[in-house]
Amino acid sequence: MPVSESTTVRDLAANSLAAVKIFEKLGIDYCCGGKRPLAEVCWEKGYDPENVRNELEAAIAGPQTSDRDWNTAPLAELIDHIVSTHHEYLRRELGPLEARLEKVYRVYNERYGPTLTGLPEVFSALRSELELHIQKEEMILFPAIIGESPFVSSPIRVMEAEHDSAGQALTRVREITKDFAVPDYACVTFRALMSGLAELEQDLHRHIHLENNILFPRAARMTGIM
């Protein structure tokens, strides 16, 4: 949607998860106080409305999709892409996403009865596993692959098992949220939570595909395991 200084913060947030992320970064209330024009909120917070508008437009436009052939790219370049794109995505998004979930879970269970039952536990376990997982990849497996170590088969199997576990957790998230369904009475934070969970699923699918289907088989062939 077009971004103007007269557009309300709520409308921007409701139509773009990217806008939600900018507002969260800037500490702008896009939920309860979101009915005010962007310019008014910016001046109150001490931000230049034009700068914020430009940042929002860039975020909403989003990055261009890479057309790199990762089946032929050097393994070091593929690993750098996984870390800079997917690992950094997890480091950036898991915390704010869990904060949204905690807020929605608390408020909606108080107002409407049982809501998203079991989701906080599933997400917390998934977050902990993913944060440890990417550390192990960066500290153990990826250096071994780049160094062409012959001892990569065992850590690869461990990472693949953890990918399976993450996939099972994503399936459970879909079940609890009924495929990221948004009730008619949902606020912007609830909508942002569902959008964020759907985006997390999409990114993890791309992430795991690059590792399970491209990086790991190539690394195994390089070291003579396959």
C-alpha atoms as a PDB file:
ATOM      1  CA  MET A   1       0.000   0.000   0.000  1.00  0.00           C
ATOM      2  CA  PRO A   2       1.182   3.611  -0.524  1.00  0.00           C
ATOM      3  CA  VAL A   3       2.935   5.152   2.474  1.00  0.00           C
ATOM      4  CA  SER A   4       2.069   8.748   3.292  1.00  0.00           C
ATOM      5  CA  GLU A   5       2.489  10.808   6.437  1.00  0.00           C
ATOM      6  CA  SER A   6      -1.284  10.947   6.806  1.00  0.00           C
ATOM      7  CA  THR A   7      -1.717   7.166   6.701  1.00  0.00           C
ATOM      8  CA  THR A   8      -2.470   5.772  10.129  1.00  0.00           C
ATOM      9  CA  VAL A   9       0.088   3.574  11.830  1.00  0.00           C
ATOM     10  CA  ARG A  10      -2.590   0.920  12.313  1.00  0.00           C
ATOM     11  CA  ASP A  11      -3.367   0.713   8.589  1.00  0.00           C
ATOM     12  CA  LEU A  12       0.306   0.360   7.708  1.00  0.00           C
ATOM     13  CA  ALA A  13       0.819  -2.364  10.301  1.00  0.00           C
ATOM     14  CA  ALA A  14      -2.334  -4.246   9.322  1.00  0.00           C
ATOM     15  CA  ASN A  15      -1.179  -4.471   5.710  1.00  0.00           C
ATOM     16  CA  SER A  16       2.511  -5.199   6.155  1.00  0.00           C
ATOM     17  CA  LEU A  17       4.530  -7.319   8.546  1.00  0.00           C
ATOM     18  CA  ALA A  18       7.570  -5.358   7.378  1.00  0.00           C
ATOM     19  CA  ALA A  19       5.951  -2.183   8.700  1.00  0.00           C
ATOM     20  CA  VAL A  20       5.254  -3.907  12.020  1.00  0.00           C
ATOM     21  CA  LYS A  21       8.950  -4.704  12.355  1.00  0.00           C
ATOM     22  CA  ILE A  22       9.918  -1.086  11.711  1.00  0.00           C
ATOM     23  CA  PHE A  23       7.401   0.139  14.286  1.00  0.00           C
ATOM     24  CA  GLU A  24       8.643  -2.347  16.858  1.00  0.00           C
ATOM     25  CA  LYS A  25      12.231  -1.259  16.239  1.00  0.00           C
ATOM     26  CA  LEU A  26      11.272   2.415  16.668  1.00  0.00           C
ATOM     27  CA  GLY A  27       9.039   1.814  19.670  1.00  0.00           C
ATOM     28  CA  ILE A  28       5.923   3.073  17.877  1.00  0.00           C
ATOM     29  CA  ASP A  29       2.610   1.745  19.197  1.00  0.00           C
ATOM     30  CA  TYR A  30       0.835   0.215  16.211  1.00  0.00           C
ATOM     31  CA  CYS A  31      -1.872  -1.567  18.195  1.00  0.00           C
ATOM     32  CA  CYS A  32      -3.790   0.321  20.881  1.00  0.00           C
ATOM     33  CA  GLY A  33      -2.439   3.714  19.819  1.00  0.00           C
ATOM     34  CA  GLY A  34      -2.282   2.931  16.127  1.00  0.00           C
ATOM     35  CA  LYS A  35      -5.190   5.024  14.882  1.00  0.00           C
ATOM     36  CA  ARG A  36      -3.065   8.182  14.644  1.00  0.00           C
ATOM     37  CA  PRO A  37      -1.381   9.491  11.462  1.00  0.00           C
ATOM     38  CA  LEU A  38       2.219   8.449  10.882  1.00  0.00           C
ATOM     39  CA  ALA A  39       3.511  12.053  10.913  1.00  0.00           C
ATOM     40  CA  GLU A  40       1.868  12.855  14.249  1.00  0.00           C
ATOM     41  CA  VAL A  41       3.365   9.777  15.912  1.00  0.00           C
ATOM     42  CA  CYS A  42       6.805  10.469  14.430  1.00  0.00           C
ATOM     43  CA  TRP A  43       6.921  14.051  15.680  1.00  0.00           C
ATOM     44  CA  GLU A  44       5.844  12.902  19.135  1.00  0.00           C
ATOM     45  CA  LYS A  45       8.655  10.317  19.223  1.00  0.00           C
ATOM     46  CA  GLY A  46      11.220  12.760  17.857  1.00  0.00           C
ATOM     47  CA  TYR A  47      11.585  11.093  14.444  1.00  0.00           C
ATOM     48  CA  ASP A  48      11.669  12.826  11.071  1.00  0.00           C
ATOM     49  CA  PRO A  49       8.452  11.621   9.351  1.00  0.00           C
ATOM     50  CA  GLU A  50      10.103  11.696   5.936  1.00  0.00           C
ATOM     51  CA  ASN A  51      12.932   9.436   7.112  1.00  0.00           C
ATOM     52  CA  VAL A  52      10.509   6.984   8.686  1.00  0.00           C
ATOM     53  CA  ARG A  53       8.326   7.008   5.574  1.00  0.00           C
ATOM     54  CA  ASN A  54      11.357   6.205   3.405  1.00  0.00           C
ATOM     55  CA  GLU A  55      12.367   3.387   5.741  1.00  0.00           C
ATOM     56  CA  LEU A  56       8.857   1.957   5.640  1.00  0.00           C
ATOM     57  CA  GLU A  57       8.712   2.087   1.843  1.00  0.00           C
ATOM     58  CA  ALA A  58      12.059   0.290   1.573  1.00  0.00           C
ATOM     59  CA  ALA A  59      11.002  -2.385   4.073  1.00  0.00           C
ATOM     60  CA  ILE A  60       7.639  -2.964   2.416  1.00  0.00           C
ATOM     61  CA  ALA A  61       9.248  -3.230  -1.022  1.00  0.00           C
ATOM     62  CA  GLY A  62      11.451  -5.953   0.441  1.00  0.00           C
ATOM     63  CA  PRO A  63      14.717  -7.458  -0.791  1.00  0.00           C
ATOM     64  CA  GLN A  64      15.055  -8.853  -4.274  1.00  0.00           C
ATOM     65  CA  THR A  65      15.000 -12.629  -4.565  1.00  0.00           C
ATOM     66  CA  SER A  66      18.415 -14.071  -5.289  1.00  0.00           C
ATOM     67  CA  ASP A  67      18.724 -16.086  -8.506  1.00  0.00           C
ATOM     68  CA  ARG A  68      22.077 -17.594  -7.469  1.00  0.00           C
ATOM     69  CA  ASP A  69      22.531 -21.231  -8.411  1.00  0.00           C
ATOM     70  CA  TRP A  70      23.545 -22.681  -5.060  1.00  0.00           C
ATOM     71  CA  ASN A  71      24.171 -26.072  -6.600  1.00  0.00           C
ATOM     72  CA  THR A  72      27.271 -24.701  -8.318  1.00  0.00           C
ATOM     73  CA  ALA A  73      28.325 -21.813  -6.058  1.00  0.00           C
ATOM     74  CA  PRO A  74      31.418 -22.352  -3.881  1.00  0.00           C
ATOM     75  CA  LEU A  75      30.479 -24.003  -0.588  1.00  0.00           C
ATOM     76  CA  ALA A  76      31.984 -21.125   1.386  1.00  0.00           C
ATOM     77  CA  GLU A  77      29.684 -18.715  -0.455  1.00  0.00           C
ATOM     78  CA  LEU A  78      26.658 -20.921   0.185  1.00  0.00           C
ATOM     79  CA  ILE A  79      27.508 -21.129   3.882  1.00  0.00           C
ATOM     80  CA  ASP A  80      27.946 -17.354   4.063  1.00  0.00           C
ATOM     81  CA  HIS A  81      24.509 -16.950   2.449  1.00  0.00           C
ATOM     82  CA  ILE A  82      22.899 -19.334   4.947  1.00  0.00           C
ATOM     83  CA  VAL A  83      24.459 -17.514   7.893  1.00  0.00           C
ATOM     84  CA  SER A  84      23.869 -13.957   6.690  1.00  0.00           C
ATOM     85  CA  THR A  85      20.336 -14.619   5.433  1.00  0.00           C
ATOM     86  CA  HIS A  86      18.736 -17.403   7.447  1.00  0.00           C
ATOM     87  CA  HIS A  87      20.720 -17.501  10.675  1.00  0.00           C
ATOM     88  CA  GLU A  88      20.560 -13.741  11.003  1.00  0.00           C
ATOM     89  CA  TYR A  89      16.822 -13.885  10.265  1.00  0.00           C
ATOM     90  CA  LEU A  90      16.360 -16.213  13.233  1.00  0.00           C
ATOM     91  CA  ARG A  91      18.497 -14.060  15.510  1.00  0.00           C
ATOM     92  CA  ARG A  92      16.525 -10.983  14.484  1.00  0.00           C
ATOM     93  CA  GLU A  93      12.981 -12.366  14.509  1.00  0.00           C
ATOM     94  CA  LEU A  94      12.636 -15.057  17.167  1.00  0.00           C
ATOM     95  CA  GLY A  95      12.721 -12.656  20.130  1.00  0.00           C
ATOM     96  CA  PRO A  96      10.153 -10.136  18.844  1.00  0.00           C
ATOM     97  CA  LEU A  97       7.935 -12.978  17.633  1.00  0.00           C
ATOM     98  CA  GLU A  98       7.932 -14.595  21.062  1.00  0.00           C
ATOM     99  CA  ALA A  99       7.159 -11.207  22.655  1.00  0.00           C
ATOM    100  CA  ARG A 100       4.110 -10.843  20.389  1.00  0.00           C
ATOM    101  CA  LEU A 101       3.012 -14.359  21.277  1.00  0.00           C
ATOM    102  CA  GLU A 102       3.308 -13.685  25.014  1.00  0.00           C
ATOM    103  CA  LYS A 103       1.198 -10.527  24.692  1.00  0.00           C
ATOM    104  CA  VAL A 104      -1.496 -12.140  22.550  1.00  0.00           C
ATOM    105  CA  TYR A 105      -1.650 -15.258  24.709  1.00  0.00           C
ATOM    106  CA  ARG A 106      -2.047 -13.261  27.932  1.00  0.00           C
ATOM    107  CA  VAL A 107      -4.634 -10.791  26.641  1.00  0.00           C
ATOM    108  CA  TYR A 108      -6.771 -13.160  24.579  1.00  0.00           C
ATOM    109  CA  ASN A 109      -6.924 -15.887  27.214  1.00  0.00           C
ATOM    110  CA  GLU A 110      -8.133 -13.285  29.702  1.00  0.00           C
ATOM    111  CA  ARG A 111     -10.726 -11.748  27.371  1.00  0.00           C
ATOM    112  CA  TYR A 112     -11.948 -14.655  25.235  1.00  0.00           C
ATOM    113  CA  GLY A 113     -11.061 -17.874  27.044  1.00  0.00           C
ATOM    114  CA  PRO A 114      -8.625 -20.587  25.898  1.00  0.00           C
ATOM    115  CA  THR A 115      -6.651 -19.229  22.930  1.00  0.00           C
ATOM    116  CA  LEU A 116      -3.642 -20.773  21.154  1.00  0.00           C
ATOM    117  CA  THR A 117      -3.388 -23.429  23.859  1.00  0.00           C
ATOM    118  CA  GLY A 118       0.066 -24.968  23.948  1.00  0.00           C
ATOM    119  CA  LEU A 119       1.642 -22.526  21.498  1.00  0.00           C
ATOM    120  CA  PRO A 120       3.908 -20.708  23.991  1.00  0.00           C
ATOM    121  CA  GLU A 121       5.468 -24.024  25.051  1.00  0.00           C
ATOM    122  CA  VAL A 122       5.931 -25.249  21.483  1.00  0.00           C
ATOM    123  CA  PHE A 123       7.408 -21.971  20.310  1.00  0.00           C
ATOM    124  CA  SER A 124       9.726 -21.594  23.303  1.00  0.00           C
ATOM    125  CA  ALA A 125      11.132 -25.082  22.730  1.00  0.00           C
ATOM    126  CA  LEU A 126      11.526 -24.391  19.001  1.00  0.00           C
ATOM    127  CA  ARG A 127      13.305 -21.108  19.659  1.00  0.00           C
ATOM    128  CA  SER A 128      15.733 -22.702  22.132  1.00  0.00           C
ATOM    129  CA  GLU A 129      16.490 -25.538  19.737  1.00  0.00           C
ATOM    130  CA  LEU A 130      17.033 -23.237  16.763  1.00  0.00           C
ATOM    131  CA  GLU A 131      19.302 -20.847  18.657  1.00  0.00           C
ATOM    132  CA  LEU A 132      21.508 -23.715  19.820  1.00  0.00           C
ATOM    133  CA  HIS A 133      21.318 -25.343  16.384  1.00  0.00           C
ATOM    134  CA  ILE A 134      22.714 -22.368  14.484  1.00  0.00           C
ATOM    135  CA  GLN A 135      25.504 -21.972  17.035  1.00  0.00           C
ATOM    136  CA  LYS A 136      26.572 -25.584  16.501  1.00  0.00           C
ATOM    137  CA  GLU A 137      26.503 -25.146  12.752  1.00  0.00           C
ATOM    138  CA  GLU A 138      28.607 -22.001  12.851  1.00  0.00           C
ATOM    139  CA  MET A 139      31.090 -23.259  15.438  1.00  0.00           C
ATOM    140  CA  ILE A 140      31.465 -26.908  14.410  1.00  0.00           C
ATOM    141  CA  LEU A 141      29.915 -28.053  11.146  1.00  0.00           C
ATOM    142  CA  PHE A 142      30.451 -25.100   8.818  1.00  0.00           C
ATOM    143  CA  PRO A 143      34.166 -24.681   9.671  1.00  0.00           C
ATOM    144  CA  ALA A 144      34.610 -28.419   9.138  1.00  0.00           C
ATOM    145  CA  ILE A 145      32.983 -28.216   5.709  1.00  0.00           C
ATOM    146  CA  ILE A 146      35.035 -25.201   4.655  1.00  0.00           C
ATOM    147  CA  GLY A 147      38.193 -26.936   5.907  1.00  0.00           C
ATOM    148  CA  GLU A 148      37.223 -30.069   3.968  1.00  0.00           C
ATOM    149  CA  SER A 149      37.400 -32.190   7.094  1.00  0.00           C
ATOM    150  CA  PRO A 150      36.727 -35.909   6.508  1.00  0.00           C
ATOM    151  CA  PHE A 151      34.778 -35.993   9.782  1.00  0.00           C
ATOM    152  CA  VAL A 152      31.590 -34.192   8.788  1.00  0.00           C
ATOM    153  CA  SER A 153      29.213 -37.142   8.517  1.00  0.00           C
ATOM    154  CA  SER A 154      28.339 -37.305  12.227  1.00  0.00           C
ATOM    155  CA  PRO A 155      27.557 -33.576  12.691  1.00  0.00           C
ATOM    156  CA  ILE A 156      25.574 -33.610   9.441  1.00  0.00           C
ATOM    157  CA  ARG A 157      23.395 -36.419  10.789  1.00  0.00           C
ATOM    158  CA  VAL A 158      22.851 -34.489  14.020  1.00  0.00           C
ATOM    159  CA  MET A 159      21.846 -31.339  12.108  1.00  0.00           C
ATOM    160  CA  GLU A 160      19.455 -33.315   9.900  1.00  0.00           C
ATOM    161  CA  ALA A 161      17.805 -34.834  12.980  1.00  0.00           C
ATOM    162  CA  GLU A 162      17.387 -31.363  14.462  1.00  0.00           C
ATOM    163  CA  HIS A 163      15.885 -30.165  11.181  1.00  0.00           C
ATOM    164  CA  ASP A 164      13.331 -32.970  11.488  1.00  0.00           C
ATOM    165  CA  SER A 165      12.532 -31.849  15.023  1.00  0.00           C
ATOM    166  CA  ALA A 166      12.062 -28.247  13.875  1.00  0.00           C
ATOM    167  CA  GLY A 167       9.785 -29.453  11.096  1.00  0.00           C
ATOM    168  CA  GLN A 168       7.645 -31.319  13.604  1.00  0.00           C
ATOM    169  CA  ALA A 169       7.390 -28.191  15.739  1.00  0.00           C
ATOM    170  CA  LEU A 170       6.306 -26.149  12.717  1.00  0.00           C
ATOM    171  CA  THR A 171       3.611 -28.712  12.005  1.00  0.00           C
ATOM    172  CA  ARG A 172       2.400 -28.379  15.575  1.00  0.00           C
ATOM    173  CA  VAL A 173       2.357 -24.564  15.262  1.00  0.00           C
ATOM    174  CA  ARG A 174       0.160 -24.880  12.175  1.00  0.00           C
ATOM    175  CA  GLU A 175      -2.192 -27.235  14.011  1.00  0.00           C
ATOM    176  CA  ILE A 176      -2.550 -24.956  17.042  1.00  0.00           C
ATOM    177  CA  THR A 177      -3.072 -21.818  14.924  1.00  0.00           C
ATOM    178  CA  LYS A 178      -5.348 -23.629  12.462  1.00  0.00           C
ATOM    179  CA  ASP A 179      -3.062 -22.706   9.553  1.00  0.00           C
ATOM    180  CA  PHE A 180      -2.371 -19.224  10.943  1.00  0.00           C
ATOM    181  CA  ALA A 181      -6.070 -18.323  11.017  1.00  0.00           C
ATOM    182  CA  VAL A 182      -6.985 -14.809  12.186  1.00  0.00           C
ATOM    183  CA  PRO A 183     -10.347 -14.340  13.943  1.00  0.00           C
ATOM    184  CA  ASP A 184     -12.514 -11.398  12.938  1.00  0.00           C
ATOM    185  CA  TYR A 185     -11.997  -9.726  16.320  1.00  0.00           C
ATOM    186  CA  ALA A 186      -8.187 -10.005  16.178  1.00  0.00           C
ATOM    187  CA  CYS A 187      -6.101  -6.901  16.823  1.00  0.00           C
ATOM    188  CA  VAL A 188      -3.077  -5.867  14.787  1.00  0.00           C
ATOM    189  CA  THR A 189      -0.700  -7.629  17.184  1.00  0.00           C
ATOM    190  CA  PHE A 190      -2.571 -10.913  16.708  1.00  0.00           C
ATOM    191  CA  ARG A 191      -2.434 -10.462  12.943  1.00  0.00           C
ATOM    192  CA  ALA A 192       1.275  -9.636  13.096  1.00  0.00           C
ATOM    193  CA  LEU A 193       1.856 -12.776  15.181  1.00  0.00           C
ATOM    194  CA  MET A 194       0.176 -14.990  12.602  1.00  0.00           C
ATOM    195  CA  SER A 195       2.020 -13.290   9.743  1.00  0.00           C
ATOM    196  CA  GLY A 196       5.296 -13.683  11.598  1.00  0.00           C
ATOM    197  CA  LEU A 197       4.723 -17.368  12.271  1.00  0.00           C
ATOM    198  CA  ALA A 198       3.880 -17.945   8.613  1.00  0.00           C
ATOM    199  CA  GLU A 199       7.022 -16.051   7.571  1.00  0.00           C
ATOM    200  CA  LEU A 200       9.124 -18.081  10.019  1.00  0.00           C
ATOM    201  CA  GLU A 201       7.799 -21.278   8.496  1.00  0.00           C
ATOM    202  CA  GLN A 202       8.614 -20.082   4.976  1.00  0.00           C
ATOM    203  CA  ASP A 203      12.122 -19.000   5.913  1.00  0.00           C
ATOM    204  CA  LEU A 204      12.863 -22.236   7.759  1.00  0.00           C
ATOM    205  CA  HIS A 205      11.652 -24.223   4.787  1.00  0.00           C
ATOM    206  CA  ARG A 206      14.106 -22.367   2.512  1.00  0.00           C
ATOM    207  CA  HIS A 207      16.827 -22.630   5.140  1.00  0.00           C
ATOM    208  CA  ILE A 208      16.469 -26.371   5.646  1.00  0.00           C
ATOM    209  CA  HIS A 209      16.196 -26.968   1.903  1.00  0.00           C
ATOM    210  CA  LEU A 210      19.539 -25.254   1.285  1.00  0.00           C
ATOM    211  CA  GLU A 211      21.211 -27.383   3.935  1.00  0.00           C
ATOM    212  CA  ASN A 212      19.557 -30.791   3.603  1.00  0.00           C
ATOM    213  CA  ASN A 213      19.241 -30.818  -0.179  1.00  0.00           C
ATOM    214  CA  ILE A 214      22.262 -28.827  -1.328  1.00  0.00           C
ATOM    215  CA  LEU A 215      24.948 -28.073   1.277  1.00  0.00           C
ATOM    216  CA  PHE A 216      25.066 -31.387   3.108  1.00  0.00           C
ATOM    217  CA  PRO A 217      25.086 -33.662   0.012  1.00  0.00           C
ATOM    218  CA  ARG A 218      27.741 -31.497  -1.646  1.00  0.00           C
ATOM    219  CA  ALA A 219      29.881 -31.517   1.488  1.00  0.00           C
ATOM    220  CA  ALA A 220      29.515 -35.280   1.766  1.00  0.00           C
ATOM    221  CA  ARG A 221      30.562 -35.812  -1.856  1.00  0.00           C
ATOM    222  CA  MET A 222      33.512 -33.453  -1.442  1.00  0.00           C
ATOM    223  CA  THR A 223      34.835 -35.441   1.517  1.00  0.00           C
ATOM    224  CA  GLY A 224      34.174 -38.798  -0.145  1.00  0.00           C
ATOM    225  CA  ILE A 225      31.375 -39.869   2.194  1.00  0.00           C
ATOM    226  CA  MET A 226      28.917 -40.392  -0.664  1.00  0.00           C
END
